[in-house]
Amino acid sequence: MGDDHFSIDTIEAPVGTKRVSDSTGTQFLSTAEAARMLGLSTTLVQTLVDQGDLKGWKTRGGHRRISLTSIDEYQSASRSTMGVAVKSVIKPRITVVVEDPDLLQQLMSANEAWNFPVEVTFFDSVTEALLELSTRRPDMMVVEMSMPRLQQEKTLQALENFNSRGRSPLSVVLVTAETDLLSSSASHSPTAIQVVSGPVTRVWMHAYLTGVVASCKI
C-alpha cells in the first residue's frame, strides 16, 4: 500500500533504532530490524511480506516498513503452531544450475540424502533457469559455468539485468574458472553476484548449503 495513506512521524527507539508510526500509533520497522527481531534473513522477511504473512507497506523510495504488531502476531502464531517458543521456518528456495549430466545426478542424489531444510531446484540448462526466474523467483542461485567465456559473460549480463529491475537483488554464486568474470561487467555498482573458482563438487555443495542454513538460522 502507498505511504500516502499515513501521516508519518519518526520516533526514536532504544539502541539507536528508528521506528515509524502512523496516525493510529502503530509502529513499523525496517526489513533489517524485522529480520533481527525474528531471527531470519532479510530475504525471508521480504518473502513473508510478499506472501502476506507480515503486514507492511513501501515508502516512495521503495523501502519496506513492517508492522510491529504483525511481527508480534506472527511470533505468537508460530509458537502456537509449533507448541514451543521457536522461530518460524520458511525453507529458502535455491536454484542450482549444472550442465554436466553426471555431476547433476550426483548432486541431486546427495541433496536428497543430506535432507537440509532448504528447497533446491536443479536445472541442466542456464537458459531454462533464467526463464524460470520470471515466474518463480528463488532466494539464491548457484550456476556452475563451464561454457565458453562469451556465453559466461552473456549469462552474467542477464543476471545483472534481472537484478536491476527494482526488486531486492537475487543472491547469485557463479562457479567458474574465469575468476575475473566480473571485470567484464558493464555495471560498476555493488552487485549481489559473486564469482568463485570451481569446481562444484559434492563437498562444495554441502558446504554451501550448510552456510545457507547457518545464515538463515534454520
N, C-alpha and C. Protein backbone atom coordinates (compact mmCIF):
# COMPACT_ATOMS: atom_id res chain seq x y z
N MET A 1 0.84 -1.18 0.00
CA MET A 1 0.00 0.00 0.00
C MET A 1 0.87 1.22 0.00
N GLY A 2 0.42 2.32 -0.49
CA GLY A 2 1.22 3.52 -0.61
C GLY A 2 1.41 4.19 0.73
N ASP A 3 2.54 4.88 0.89
CA ASP A 3 2.78 5.52 2.16
C ASP A 3 2.01 6.80 2.32
N ASP A 4 1.29 7.25 1.25
CA ASP A 4 0.49 8.45 1.37
C ASP A 4 -0.79 8.19 2.14
N HIS A 5 -1.02 6.92 2.56
CA HIS A 5 -2.18 6.60 3.38
C HIS A 5 -1.93 6.96 4.84
N PHE A 6 -0.69 7.33 5.18
CA PHE A 6 -0.36 7.55 6.57
C PHE A 6 0.17 8.95 6.79
N SER A 7 0.02 9.42 8.02
CA SER A 7 0.72 10.61 8.46
C SER A 7 1.94 10.12 9.22
N ILE A 8 3.15 10.33 8.65
CA ILE A 8 4.34 9.67 9.17
C ILE A 8 5.11 10.55 10.13
N ASP A 9 5.51 9.97 11.26
CA ASP A 9 6.42 10.61 12.21
C ASP A 9 7.50 9.60 12.54
N THR A 10 8.70 10.07 12.77
CA THR A 10 9.78 9.18 13.18
C THR A 10 9.97 9.28 14.67
N ILE A 11 9.98 8.13 15.35
CA ILE A 11 10.09 8.08 16.80
C ILE A 11 11.40 7.40 17.15
N GLU A 12 12.18 8.00 18.01
CA GLU A 12 13.44 7.40 18.42
C GLU A 12 13.17 6.24 19.36
N ALA A 13 13.75 5.07 19.02
CA ALA A 13 13.61 3.88 19.86
C ALA A 13 14.95 3.58 20.49
N PRO A 14 14.99 2.67 21.47
CA PRO A 14 16.24 2.35 22.15
C PRO A 14 17.30 1.82 21.19
N VAL A 15 18.55 1.89 21.61
CA VAL A 15 19.71 1.36 20.91
C VAL A 15 19.80 1.92 19.50
N GLY A 16 19.42 3.15 19.31
CA GLY A 16 19.61 3.80 18.02
C GLY A 16 18.65 3.37 16.94
N THR A 17 17.67 2.53 17.24
CA THR A 17 16.73 2.06 16.22
C THR A 17 15.68 3.12 15.97
N LYS A 18 15.40 3.40 14.72
CA LYS A 18 14.35 4.36 14.38
C LYS A 18 13.10 3.61 13.94
N ARG A 19 12.02 3.87 14.61
CA ARG A 19 10.75 3.25 14.25
C ARG A 19 9.81 4.31 13.71
N VAL A 20 8.95 3.87 12.81
CA VAL A 20 7.99 4.77 12.19
C VAL A 20 6.61 4.42 12.70
N SER A 21 5.78 5.43 12.97
CA SER A 21 4.41 5.17 13.41
C SER A 21 3.45 5.93 12.53
N ASP A 22 2.21 5.38 12.38
CA ASP A 22 1.20 6.09 11.61
C ASP A 22 0.33 6.89 12.57
N SER A 23 -0.74 7.48 12.05
CA SER A 23 -1.58 8.36 12.85
C SER A 23 -2.32 7.62 13.96
N THR A 24 -2.40 6.28 13.87
CA THR A 24 -3.07 5.49 14.91
C THR A 24 -2.09 5.04 15.98
N GLY A 25 -0.80 5.35 15.82
CA GLY A 25 0.19 4.94 16.80
C GLY A 25 0.83 3.61 16.49
N THR A 26 0.43 2.95 15.39
CA THR A 26 1.02 1.68 15.01
C THR A 26 2.47 1.88 14.62
N GLN A 27 3.36 1.04 15.15
CA GLN A 27 4.77 1.17 14.86
C GLN A 27 5.20 0.26 13.72
N PHE A 28 6.17 0.72 12.95
CA PHE A 28 6.69 -0.04 11.81
C PHE A 28 8.20 -0.14 11.91
N LEU A 29 8.73 -1.28 11.46
CA LEU A 29 10.17 -1.50 11.45
C LEU A 29 10.67 -1.65 10.02
N SER A 30 11.95 -1.42 9.82
CA SER A 30 12.56 -1.70 8.52
C SER A 30 12.70 -3.20 8.34
N THR A 31 13.01 -3.64 7.12
CA THR A 31 13.20 -5.07 6.86
C THR A 31 14.34 -5.63 7.73
N ALA A 32 15.44 -4.89 7.83
CA ALA A 32 16.58 -5.37 8.62
C ALA A 32 16.22 -5.51 10.10
N GLU A 33 15.46 -4.53 10.63
CA GLU A 33 15.06 -4.59 12.03
C GLU A 33 14.12 -5.76 12.28
N ALA A 34 13.18 -5.97 11.35
CA ALA A 34 12.26 -7.10 11.48
C ALA A 34 13.01 -8.43 11.41
N ALA A 35 14.01 -8.49 10.53
CA ALA A 35 14.80 -9.71 10.40
C ALA A 35 15.52 -10.04 11.71
N ARG A 36 16.12 -9.00 12.34
CA ARG A 36 16.81 -9.22 13.61
C ARG A 36 15.82 -9.68 14.69
N MET A 37 14.64 -9.10 14.69
CA MET A 37 13.65 -9.43 15.71
C MET A 37 13.15 -10.87 15.55
N LEU A 38 13.01 -11.32 14.30
CA LEU A 38 12.51 -12.67 14.03
C LEU A 38 13.62 -13.70 13.97
N GLY A 39 14.87 -13.23 13.86
CA GLY A 39 15.98 -14.17 13.73
C GLY A 39 16.04 -14.81 12.36
N LEU A 40 15.57 -14.10 11.32
CA LEU A 40 15.56 -14.61 9.96
C LEU A 40 16.40 -13.70 9.07
N SER A 41 16.68 -14.16 7.86
CA SER A 41 17.39 -13.31 6.90
C SER A 41 16.43 -12.26 6.35
N THR A 42 16.97 -11.16 5.83
CA THR A 42 16.13 -10.12 5.24
C THR A 42 15.37 -10.66 4.03
N THR A 43 15.99 -11.58 3.28
CA THR A 43 15.31 -12.17 2.11
C THR A 43 14.06 -12.91 2.53
N LEU A 44 14.14 -13.68 3.61
CA LEU A 44 12.98 -14.44 4.07
C LEU A 44 11.90 -13.52 4.64
N VAL A 45 12.32 -12.44 5.28
CA VAL A 45 11.34 -11.47 5.78
C VAL A 45 10.60 -10.83 4.61
N GLN A 46 11.32 -10.48 3.55
CA GLN A 46 10.68 -9.93 2.36
C GLN A 46 9.68 -10.92 1.76
N THR A 47 10.04 -12.21 1.79
CA THR A 47 9.12 -13.24 1.30
C THR A 47 7.86 -13.29 2.15
N LEU A 48 8.01 -13.19 3.47
CA LEU A 48 6.85 -13.19 4.37
C LEU A 48 5.92 -12.02 4.06
N VAL A 49 6.49 -10.86 3.78
CA VAL A 49 5.67 -9.69 3.44
C VAL A 49 4.96 -9.92 2.11
N ASP A 50 5.68 -10.42 1.11
CA ASP A 50 5.08 -10.66 -0.21
C ASP A 50 3.96 -11.69 -0.13
N GLN A 51 4.10 -12.67 0.79
CA GLN A 51 3.08 -13.70 0.93
C GLN A 51 1.92 -13.25 1.82
N GLY A 52 2.07 -12.09 2.46
CA GLY A 52 1.00 -11.59 3.32
C GLY A 52 1.07 -12.09 4.74
N ASP A 53 2.14 -12.83 5.10
CA ASP A 53 2.27 -13.33 6.46
C ASP A 53 2.66 -12.21 7.42
N LEU A 54 3.32 -11.20 6.91
CA LEU A 54 3.61 -9.99 7.68
C LEU A 54 2.97 -8.81 6.95
N LYS A 55 2.44 -7.87 7.73
CA LYS A 55 1.77 -6.72 7.14
C LYS A 55 2.76 -5.56 7.02
N GLY A 56 2.79 -4.95 5.85
CA GLY A 56 3.70 -3.84 5.66
C GLY A 56 3.32 -3.00 4.47
N TRP A 57 4.15 -2.01 4.17
CA TRP A 57 3.92 -1.13 3.04
C TRP A 57 5.28 -0.65 2.57
N LYS A 58 5.31 0.06 1.48
CA LYS A 58 6.55 0.58 0.93
C LYS A 58 6.55 2.09 0.90
N THR A 59 7.68 2.68 1.20
CA THR A 59 7.82 4.12 1.07
C THR A 59 7.94 4.49 -0.41
N ARG A 60 7.91 5.77 -0.71
CA ARG A 60 8.08 6.20 -2.10
C ARG A 60 9.44 5.80 -2.64
N GLY A 61 10.41 5.63 -1.75
CA GLY A 61 11.74 5.21 -2.17
C GLY A 61 11.87 3.70 -2.34
N GLY A 62 10.78 2.95 -2.10
CA GLY A 62 10.81 1.50 -2.30
C GLY A 62 11.23 0.69 -1.09
N HIS A 63 11.36 1.35 0.09
CA HIS A 63 11.77 0.63 1.29
C HIS A 63 10.54 0.08 2.02
N ARG A 64 10.64 -1.16 2.49
CA ARG A 64 9.53 -1.77 3.22
C ARG A 64 9.46 -1.24 4.64
N ARG A 65 8.25 -1.08 5.14
CA ARG A 65 8.00 -0.79 6.54
C ARG A 65 7.02 -1.86 7.03
N ILE A 66 7.42 -2.58 8.06
CA ILE A 66 6.68 -3.76 8.51
C ILE A 66 6.07 -3.50 9.88
N SER A 67 4.80 -3.82 10.01
CA SER A 67 4.06 -3.56 11.24
C SER A 67 4.62 -4.36 12.41
N LEU A 68 4.95 -3.66 13.50
CA LEU A 68 5.45 -4.33 14.70
C LEU A 68 4.38 -5.25 15.27
N THR A 69 3.13 -4.83 15.17
CA THR A 69 2.03 -5.67 15.66
C THR A 69 1.96 -6.98 14.89
N SER A 70 2.13 -6.92 13.57
CA SER A 70 2.04 -8.15 12.78
C SER A 70 3.22 -9.07 13.07
N ILE A 71 4.39 -8.49 13.42
CA ILE A 71 5.53 -9.32 13.81
C ILE A 71 5.23 -10.06 15.10
N ASP A 72 4.65 -9.34 16.08
CA ASP A 72 4.27 -9.98 17.35
C ASP A 72 3.25 -11.09 17.12
N GLU A 73 2.26 -10.80 16.25
CA GLU A 73 1.23 -11.80 15.96
C GLU A 73 1.82 -13.02 15.26
N TYR A 74 2.78 -12.76 14.36
CA TYR A 74 3.41 -13.86 13.64
C TYR A 74 4.21 -14.75 14.59
N GLN A 75 4.93 -14.13 15.53
CA GLN A 75 5.68 -14.91 16.50
C GLN A 75 4.76 -15.72 17.39
N SER A 76 3.64 -15.12 17.81
CA SER A 76 2.68 -15.83 18.65
C SER A 76 2.07 -17.02 17.92
N ALA A 77 1.71 -16.78 16.64
CA ALA A 77 1.12 -17.85 15.84
C ALA A 77 2.12 -18.99 15.62
N SER A 78 3.40 -18.62 15.46
CA SER A 78 4.44 -19.63 15.26
C SER A 78 4.59 -20.49 16.49
N ARG A 79 4.57 -19.85 17.66
CA ARG A 79 4.69 -20.62 18.91
C ARG A 79 3.51 -21.55 19.09
N SER A 80 2.31 -21.06 18.74
CA SER A 80 1.12 -21.89 18.89
C SER A 80 1.16 -23.08 17.96
N THR A 81 1.61 -22.85 16.74
CA THR A 81 1.66 -23.92 15.74
C THR A 81 2.68 -24.98 16.11
N MET A 82 3.86 -24.54 16.58
CA MET A 82 4.94 -25.47 16.89
C MET A 82 4.80 -26.07 18.29
N GLY A 83 4.03 -25.39 19.15
CA GLY A 83 3.86 -25.89 20.50
C GLY A 83 4.96 -25.46 21.45
N VAL A 84 6.01 -24.82 20.92
CA VAL A 84 7.11 -24.33 21.74
C VAL A 84 7.54 -22.99 21.19
N ALA A 85 8.31 -22.25 21.99
CA ALA A 85 8.75 -20.93 21.54
C ALA A 85 9.98 -21.08 20.65
N VAL A 86 9.74 -21.32 19.38
CA VAL A 86 10.82 -21.46 18.41
C VAL A 86 10.56 -20.52 17.25
N LYS A 87 11.60 -20.28 16.46
CA LYS A 87 11.46 -19.42 15.30
C LYS A 87 10.68 -20.14 14.22
N SER A 88 9.83 -19.41 13.51
CA SER A 88 9.14 -19.98 12.37
C SER A 88 10.14 -20.17 11.23
N VAL A 89 9.92 -21.21 10.44
CA VAL A 89 10.87 -21.54 9.39
C VAL A 89 10.19 -21.52 8.03
N ILE A 90 10.76 -20.79 7.12
CA ILE A 90 10.39 -20.89 5.71
C ILE A 90 11.60 -21.42 4.99
N LYS A 91 11.43 -22.48 4.23
CA LYS A 91 12.57 -23.06 3.54
C LYS A 91 13.06 -22.12 2.45
N PRO A 92 14.33 -21.74 2.51
CA PRO A 92 14.89 -20.92 1.42
C PRO A 92 14.83 -21.71 0.11
N ARG A 93 14.52 -21.01 -0.98
CA ARG A 93 14.48 -21.64 -2.30
C ARG A 93 15.79 -21.36 -3.03
N ILE A 94 16.46 -22.41 -3.44
CA ILE A 94 17.75 -22.28 -4.10
C ILE A 94 17.69 -22.95 -5.47
N THR A 95 18.10 -22.24 -6.49
CA THR A 95 18.21 -22.80 -7.83
C THR A 95 19.68 -23.14 -8.09
N VAL A 96 19.92 -24.37 -8.55
CA VAL A 96 21.27 -24.83 -8.86
C VAL A 96 21.31 -25.26 -10.32
N VAL A 97 22.25 -24.68 -11.07
CA VAL A 97 22.39 -24.99 -12.50
C VAL A 97 23.71 -25.73 -12.72
N VAL A 98 23.62 -26.95 -13.21
CA VAL A 98 24.81 -27.75 -13.52
C VAL A 98 24.57 -28.42 -14.87
N GLU A 99 25.38 -28.12 -15.84
CA GLU A 99 25.14 -28.63 -17.19
C GLU A 99 25.74 -30.02 -17.42
N ASP A 100 26.69 -30.42 -16.58
CA ASP A 100 27.26 -31.75 -16.71
C ASP A 100 26.26 -32.78 -16.16
N PRO A 101 25.75 -33.70 -16.99
CA PRO A 101 24.69 -34.61 -16.55
C PRO A 101 25.10 -35.55 -15.41
N ASP A 102 26.35 -36.02 -15.44
CA ASP A 102 26.80 -36.93 -14.37
C ASP A 102 26.89 -36.19 -13.03
N LEU A 103 27.49 -35.00 -13.05
CA LEU A 103 27.59 -34.21 -11.82
C LEU A 103 26.21 -33.81 -11.32
N LEU A 104 25.33 -33.45 -12.23
CA LEU A 104 23.97 -33.06 -11.84
C LEU A 104 23.29 -34.20 -11.10
N GLN A 105 23.40 -35.42 -11.60
CA GLN A 105 22.77 -36.57 -10.96
C GLN A 105 23.39 -36.83 -9.59
N GLN A 106 24.71 -36.68 -9.48
CA GLN A 106 25.38 -36.88 -8.19
C GLN A 106 24.87 -35.88 -7.15
N LEU A 107 24.76 -34.64 -7.56
CA LEU A 107 24.32 -33.59 -6.62
C LEU A 107 22.87 -33.77 -6.23
N MET A 108 22.04 -34.16 -7.17
CA MET A 108 20.63 -34.39 -6.85
C MET A 108 20.48 -35.53 -5.85
N SER A 109 21.22 -36.61 -6.06
CA SER A 109 21.15 -37.75 -5.14
C SER A 109 21.69 -37.37 -3.77
N ALA A 110 22.80 -36.61 -3.76
CA ALA A 110 23.39 -36.20 -2.49
C ALA A 110 22.45 -35.27 -1.73
N ASN A 111 21.80 -34.36 -2.44
CA ASN A 111 20.89 -33.41 -1.79
C ASN A 111 19.74 -34.14 -1.10
N GLU A 112 19.22 -35.17 -1.73
CA GLU A 112 18.15 -35.96 -1.10
C GLU A 112 18.64 -36.63 0.18
N ALA A 113 19.87 -37.12 0.15
CA ALA A 113 20.42 -37.80 1.33
C ALA A 113 20.72 -36.82 2.46
N TRP A 114 21.17 -35.60 2.11
CA TRP A 114 21.51 -34.62 3.14
C TRP A 114 20.29 -34.12 3.89
N ASN A 115 19.19 -33.96 3.17
CA ASN A 115 17.93 -33.54 3.80
C ASN A 115 18.05 -32.21 4.53
N PHE A 116 18.72 -31.24 3.92
CA PHE A 116 18.78 -29.89 4.50
C PHE A 116 17.38 -29.25 4.47
N PRO A 117 17.09 -28.36 5.42
CA PRO A 117 15.79 -27.67 5.42
C PRO A 117 15.76 -26.53 4.41
N VAL A 118 16.07 -26.86 3.16
CA VAL A 118 16.03 -25.89 2.06
C VAL A 118 15.38 -26.58 0.86
N GLU A 119 14.82 -25.78 -0.03
CA GLU A 119 14.20 -26.30 -1.24
C GLU A 119 15.13 -26.03 -2.42
N VAL A 120 15.74 -27.09 -2.93
CA VAL A 120 16.71 -26.96 -4.01
C VAL A 120 16.09 -27.46 -5.32
N THR A 121 16.12 -26.61 -6.33
CA THR A 121 15.65 -26.99 -7.67
C THR A 121 16.84 -27.02 -8.61
N PHE A 122 17.02 -28.16 -9.29
CA PHE A 122 18.17 -28.33 -10.17
C PHE A 122 17.77 -28.13 -11.63
N PHE A 123 18.66 -27.50 -12.38
CA PHE A 123 18.49 -27.33 -13.82
C PHE A 123 19.75 -27.79 -14.53
N ASP A 124 19.57 -28.33 -15.75
CA ASP A 124 20.74 -28.72 -16.54
C ASP A 124 21.00 -27.71 -17.66
N SER A 125 20.29 -26.58 -17.62
CA SER A 125 20.42 -25.56 -18.66
C SER A 125 20.33 -24.17 -18.04
N VAL A 126 21.30 -23.33 -18.33
CA VAL A 126 21.27 -21.95 -17.86
C VAL A 126 20.06 -21.21 -18.43
N THR A 127 19.78 -21.45 -19.70
CA THR A 127 18.66 -20.78 -20.36
C THR A 127 17.35 -21.09 -19.66
N GLU A 128 17.11 -22.36 -19.34
CA GLU A 128 15.87 -22.74 -18.66
C GLU A 128 15.78 -22.11 -17.28
N ALA A 129 16.91 -22.07 -16.58
CA ALA A 129 16.91 -21.47 -15.24
C ALA A 129 16.61 -19.98 -15.29
N LEU A 130 17.16 -19.29 -16.29
CA LEU A 130 16.90 -17.85 -16.43
C LEU A 130 15.44 -17.59 -16.78
N LEU A 131 14.86 -18.42 -17.61
CA LEU A 131 13.44 -18.27 -17.95
C LEU A 131 12.56 -18.49 -16.73
N GLU A 132 12.97 -19.40 -15.87
CA GLU A 132 12.20 -19.71 -14.67
C GLU A 132 12.16 -18.53 -13.69
N LEU A 133 13.17 -17.66 -13.75
CA LEU A 133 13.24 -16.53 -12.82
C LEU A 133 12.03 -15.63 -12.93
N SER A 134 11.46 -15.52 -14.13
CA SER A 134 10.34 -14.60 -14.33
C SER A 134 9.04 -15.11 -13.73
N THR A 135 8.97 -16.42 -13.46
CA THR A 135 7.73 -16.99 -12.93
C THR A 135 7.86 -17.50 -11.50
N ARG A 136 9.05 -17.91 -11.13
CA ARG A 136 9.25 -18.43 -9.77
C ARG A 136 10.64 -18.04 -9.29
N ARG A 137 10.69 -16.96 -8.58
CA ARG A 137 11.97 -16.38 -8.15
C ARG A 137 12.51 -17.11 -6.93
N PRO A 138 13.73 -17.65 -7.02
CA PRO A 138 14.34 -18.28 -5.84
C PRO A 138 14.90 -17.22 -4.91
N ASP A 139 15.38 -17.65 -3.74
CA ASP A 139 16.06 -16.74 -2.83
C ASP A 139 17.54 -16.64 -3.17
N MET A 140 18.10 -17.72 -3.72
CA MET A 140 19.51 -17.77 -4.05
C MET A 140 19.70 -18.63 -5.30
N MET A 141 20.83 -18.45 -5.95
CA MET A 141 21.09 -19.18 -7.18
C MET A 141 22.57 -19.53 -7.28
N VAL A 142 22.85 -20.75 -7.69
CA VAL A 142 24.22 -21.21 -7.93
C VAL A 142 24.30 -21.68 -9.37
N VAL A 143 25.28 -21.17 -10.12
CA VAL A 143 25.43 -21.56 -11.52
C VAL A 143 26.85 -22.06 -11.73
N GLU A 144 26.98 -23.33 -12.12
CA GLU A 144 28.27 -23.91 -12.47
C GLU A 144 28.49 -23.63 -13.95
N MET A 145 29.51 -22.81 -14.25
CA MET A 145 29.68 -22.35 -15.63
C MET A 145 30.97 -22.91 -16.24
N SER A 146 30.78 -23.86 -17.14
CA SER A 146 31.92 -24.44 -17.85
C SER A 146 31.84 -24.14 -19.34
N MET A 147 30.87 -23.30 -19.72
CA MET A 147 30.70 -22.94 -21.12
C MET A 147 31.76 -21.93 -21.54
N PRO A 148 31.89 -21.62 -22.83
CA PRO A 148 32.87 -20.63 -23.28
C PRO A 148 32.70 -19.27 -22.61
N ARG A 149 33.79 -18.50 -22.57
CA ARG A 149 33.83 -17.21 -21.88
C ARG A 149 32.72 -16.28 -22.37
N LEU A 150 32.51 -16.19 -23.66
CA LEU A 150 31.50 -15.27 -24.19
C LEU A 150 30.12 -15.62 -23.65
N GLN A 151 29.79 -16.90 -23.57
CA GLN A 151 28.48 -17.30 -23.04
C GLN A 151 28.39 -17.01 -21.55
N GLN A 152 29.51 -17.14 -20.84
CA GLN A 152 29.51 -16.80 -19.42
C GLN A 152 29.23 -15.30 -19.23
N GLU A 153 29.84 -14.47 -20.07
CA GLU A 153 29.61 -13.03 -19.97
C GLU A 153 28.14 -12.69 -20.25
N LYS A 154 27.53 -13.38 -21.21
CA LYS A 154 26.11 -13.14 -21.51
C LYS A 154 25.23 -13.57 -20.34
N THR A 155 25.59 -14.68 -19.69
CA THR A 155 24.83 -15.13 -18.52
C THR A 155 24.94 -14.12 -17.39
N LEU A 156 26.14 -13.62 -17.16
CA LEU A 156 26.35 -12.59 -16.14
C LEU A 156 25.51 -11.35 -16.45
N GLN A 157 25.50 -10.92 -17.70
CA GLN A 157 24.73 -9.74 -18.08
C GLN A 157 23.24 -9.95 -17.86
N ALA A 158 22.75 -11.16 -18.19
CA ALA A 158 21.33 -11.46 -18.00
C ALA A 158 20.96 -11.41 -16.52
N LEU A 159 21.82 -11.92 -15.65
CA LEU A 159 21.55 -11.89 -14.22
C LEU A 159 21.62 -10.47 -13.66
N GLU A 160 22.56 -9.66 -14.15
CA GLU A 160 22.62 -8.27 -13.72
C GLU A 160 21.39 -7.50 -14.16
N ASN A 161 20.91 -7.77 -15.37
CA ASN A 161 19.69 -7.12 -15.86
C ASN A 161 18.50 -7.50 -14.97
N PHE A 162 18.43 -8.77 -14.58
CA PHE A 162 17.35 -9.22 -13.70
C PHE A 162 17.41 -8.48 -12.37
N ASN A 163 18.60 -8.33 -11.82
CA ASN A 163 18.76 -7.69 -10.52
C ASN A 163 18.54 -6.18 -10.57
N SER A 164 18.52 -5.60 -11.75
CA SER A 164 18.36 -4.15 -11.87
C SER A 164 16.90 -3.73 -12.04
N ARG A 165 15.98 -4.67 -11.93
CA ARG A 165 14.58 -4.36 -12.22
C ARG A 165 13.80 -3.83 -11.03
N GLY A 166 14.48 -3.44 -9.95
CA GLY A 166 13.78 -2.75 -8.88
C GLY A 166 13.51 -3.58 -7.65
N ARG A 167 13.42 -4.91 -7.78
CA ARG A 167 13.18 -5.75 -6.62
C ARG A 167 14.49 -5.94 -5.87
N SER A 168 14.42 -6.53 -4.68
CA SER A 168 15.65 -6.82 -3.96
C SER A 168 16.50 -7.77 -4.80
N PRO A 169 17.80 -7.53 -4.89
CA PRO A 169 18.64 -8.32 -5.79
C PRO A 169 18.72 -9.78 -5.38
N LEU A 170 18.78 -10.64 -6.39
CA LEU A 170 18.93 -12.08 -6.18
C LEU A 170 20.39 -12.39 -5.87
N SER A 171 20.62 -13.14 -4.80
CA SER A 171 21.98 -13.55 -4.45
C SER A 171 22.41 -14.69 -5.36
N VAL A 172 23.50 -14.47 -6.11
CA VAL A 172 23.95 -15.44 -7.11
C VAL A 172 25.42 -15.77 -6.88
N VAL A 173 25.75 -17.05 -6.97
CA VAL A 173 27.13 -17.50 -6.95
C VAL A 173 27.43 -18.15 -8.29
N LEU A 174 28.38 -17.59 -9.02
CA LEU A 174 28.82 -18.15 -10.29
C LEU A 174 30.13 -18.89 -10.05
N VAL A 175 30.11 -20.19 -10.31
CA VAL A 175 31.30 -21.01 -10.09
C VAL A 175 31.97 -21.23 -11.44
N THR A 176 33.17 -20.66 -11.59
CA THR A 176 33.82 -20.68 -12.90
C THR A 176 35.33 -20.55 -12.75
N ALA A 177 36.04 -21.06 -13.75
CA ALA A 177 37.49 -20.87 -13.79
C ALA A 177 37.86 -19.44 -14.21
N GLU A 178 36.86 -18.71 -14.77
CA GLU A 178 37.08 -17.33 -15.20
C GLU A 178 36.88 -16.40 -14.01
N THR A 179 37.88 -16.37 -13.12
CA THR A 179 37.73 -15.65 -11.86
C THR A 179 37.65 -14.14 -12.03
N ASP A 180 38.04 -13.63 -13.21
CA ASP A 180 37.96 -12.19 -13.47
C ASP A 180 36.68 -11.83 -14.23
N LEU A 181 35.70 -12.71 -14.19
CA LEU A 181 34.49 -12.52 -14.99
C LEU A 181 33.79 -11.20 -14.68
N LEU A 182 33.76 -10.81 -13.42
CA LEU A 182 33.05 -9.57 -13.05
C LEU A 182 33.70 -8.34 -13.67
N SER A 183 34.97 -8.44 -14.06
CA SER A 183 35.64 -7.30 -14.67
C SER A 183 35.06 -6.99 -16.05
N SER A 184 34.36 -7.95 -16.64
CA SER A 184 33.74 -7.73 -17.95
C SER A 184 32.37 -7.09 -17.83
N SER A 185 31.90 -6.91 -16.59
CA SER A 185 30.57 -6.37 -16.37
C SER A 185 30.52 -4.90 -16.75
N ALA A 186 29.40 -4.52 -17.38
CA ALA A 186 29.20 -3.11 -17.73
C ALA A 186 28.78 -2.29 -16.52
N SER A 187 28.31 -2.99 -15.48
CA SER A 187 27.87 -2.31 -14.26
C SER A 187 29.04 -2.18 -13.30
N HIS A 188 29.23 -0.97 -12.76
CA HIS A 188 30.31 -0.73 -11.81
C HIS A 188 29.75 -0.49 -10.40
N SER A 189 28.45 -0.76 -10.22
CA SER A 189 27.82 -0.58 -8.92
C SER A 189 27.95 -1.88 -8.12
N PRO A 190 27.74 -1.81 -6.79
CA PRO A 190 27.80 -3.02 -5.97
C PRO A 190 26.82 -4.07 -6.50
N THR A 191 27.22 -5.34 -6.43
CA THR A 191 26.41 -6.40 -7.01
C THR A 191 26.20 -7.51 -6.00
N ALA A 192 25.09 -8.24 -6.14
CA ALA A 192 24.80 -9.40 -5.31
C ALA A 192 25.32 -10.67 -5.97
N ILE A 193 26.08 -10.52 -7.04
CA ILE A 193 26.61 -11.66 -7.78
C ILE A 193 28.07 -11.87 -7.40
N GLN A 194 28.38 -13.08 -6.97
CA GLN A 194 29.74 -13.43 -6.60
C GLN A 194 30.31 -14.41 -7.62
N VAL A 195 31.59 -14.30 -7.88
CA VAL A 195 32.29 -15.26 -8.74
C VAL A 195 33.32 -15.99 -7.89
N VAL A 196 33.23 -17.32 -7.89
CA VAL A 196 34.19 -18.13 -7.12
C VAL A 196 34.77 -19.19 -8.05
N SER A 197 35.98 -19.62 -7.72
CA SER A 197 36.62 -20.63 -8.55
C SER A 197 36.02 -22.00 -8.26
N GLY A 198 35.98 -22.83 -9.27
CA GLY A 198 35.39 -24.15 -9.14
C GLY A 198 36.42 -25.18 -8.73
N PRO A 199 36.07 -26.44 -8.91
CA PRO A 199 34.79 -26.85 -9.50
C PRO A 199 33.72 -27.07 -8.43
N VAL A 200 32.47 -27.23 -8.88
CA VAL A 200 31.39 -27.63 -7.99
C VAL A 200 31.53 -29.13 -7.74
N THR A 201 31.57 -29.51 -6.49
CA THR A 201 31.64 -30.92 -6.11
C THR A 201 30.61 -31.18 -5.01
N ARG A 202 30.46 -32.42 -4.62
CA ARG A 202 29.56 -32.74 -3.50
C ARG A 202 30.00 -32.03 -2.24
N VAL A 203 31.33 -31.98 -2.01
CA VAL A 203 31.84 -31.32 -0.81
C VAL A 203 31.55 -29.82 -0.86
N TRP A 204 31.76 -29.22 -2.03
CA TRP A 204 31.49 -27.78 -2.18
C TRP A 204 30.01 -27.48 -1.94
N MET A 205 29.14 -28.28 -2.55
CA MET A 205 27.70 -28.04 -2.41
C MET A 205 27.24 -28.25 -0.98
N HIS A 206 27.78 -29.25 -0.30
CA HIS A 206 27.42 -29.47 1.09
C HIS A 206 27.82 -28.29 1.95
N ALA A 207 29.02 -27.75 1.70
CA ALA A 207 29.49 -26.59 2.46
C ALA A 207 28.61 -25.37 2.19
N TYR A 208 28.23 -25.18 0.93
CA TYR A 208 27.39 -24.03 0.56
C TYR A 208 26.03 -24.12 1.27
N LEU A 209 25.39 -25.28 1.21
CA LEU A 209 24.07 -25.44 1.84
C LEU A 209 24.17 -25.33 3.36
N THR A 210 25.27 -25.81 3.93
CA THR A 210 25.47 -25.65 5.36
C THR A 210 25.53 -24.17 5.73
N GLY A 211 26.22 -23.39 4.90
CA GLY A 211 26.30 -21.95 5.12
C GLY A 211 24.96 -21.26 5.02
N VAL A 212 24.14 -21.68 4.05
CA VAL A 212 22.80 -21.11 3.89
C VAL A 212 21.96 -21.37 5.12
N VAL A 213 21.98 -22.60 5.61
CA VAL A 213 21.20 -22.96 6.79
C VAL A 213 21.66 -22.14 7.99
N ALA A 214 22.97 -21.99 8.15
CA ALA A 214 23.50 -21.23 9.29
C ALA A 214 23.13 -19.76 9.20
N SER A 215 23.23 -19.17 8.00
CA SER A 215 22.95 -17.75 7.84
C SER A 215 21.48 -17.43 8.02
N CYS A 216 20.62 -18.41 7.68
CA CYS A 216 19.16 -18.21 7.84
C CYS A 216 18.68 -18.64 9.21
N LYS A 217 19.58 -19.20 10.01
CA LYS A 217 19.23 -19.64 11.38
C LYS A 217 18.06 -20.60 11.38
N ILE A 218 18.15 -21.64 10.53
CA ILE A 218 17.06 -22.62 10.46
C ILE A 218 17.57 -24.00 10.81
